[in-house]
Amino acid sequence: MQEREVFWRPWSDLGLEHLRLGIDRERLVADGSIVRRMPEGAALRLWYRLECDGSARVRTARVRLWRGDAEHRLDLRGDGAGGWADGSGRPLPGLQGCTDLDIAVTPFTNTLPIRRLGLRPGAFAEIAVVYIDVPLLEVTRAPQRYTRLKTDGDGGSYLYENLDNDFRAELPVDADGVVKDYPGQWRRIA
């Protein structure tokens, strides 16, 4: 398994994300830790581990969040075909058809649909994702669009759009589809 480490820092506040990423033909494993002061001033620590198949479809997601002295947990299971269950196996029918997962405070989860879709320049896809709000750890369904803008020797760029609220960001990515910079949010430092 090819392994690498990535670090991002927020554009305007204190924080750091460290990601350990393992990729091979059979699976993708992401283990990330985030320490950040949120815009409202509160500090949080978040850890996530995503285990995906070789097409970057999430099979298990574990998220832990610490605010103050409280630890909050979220565990999800995906079947790779748009079906989701909680950590104990109870089906989550409101998430049926979601093909990807988006954790609000990390640029990494944009990598999952970017890798899975394999779009050519100029092509786009509208998808539904499991959106994990932070700091609430509430899970909802969110429509998104990814458009491949260009390809270059080091990866290229995508236009990401949240179709619920008109948020848009141009995301440069490396050859593995990992976001380099997330304008206004995160900047890769290593």
Foldseek 3Di string as FASTA:
>chain_A
DDWDWWKKAWPPFGKIKIWIWDADQFWIKIWMWIWTQDPVGFIKIKIKIFIGTNLLFTAKIWMWMDGPHDIDIWIKGDPQQQWIDTPVRHTDVQRRQARFEAEPQDQFRQLRCCSNVVDAAQDKDKGWYFYQYPPVRDTHIWIKMWHFHDQDPFGGWIWIAGVVPGDIFIFGAGNSSGTQATPNTIHIDD
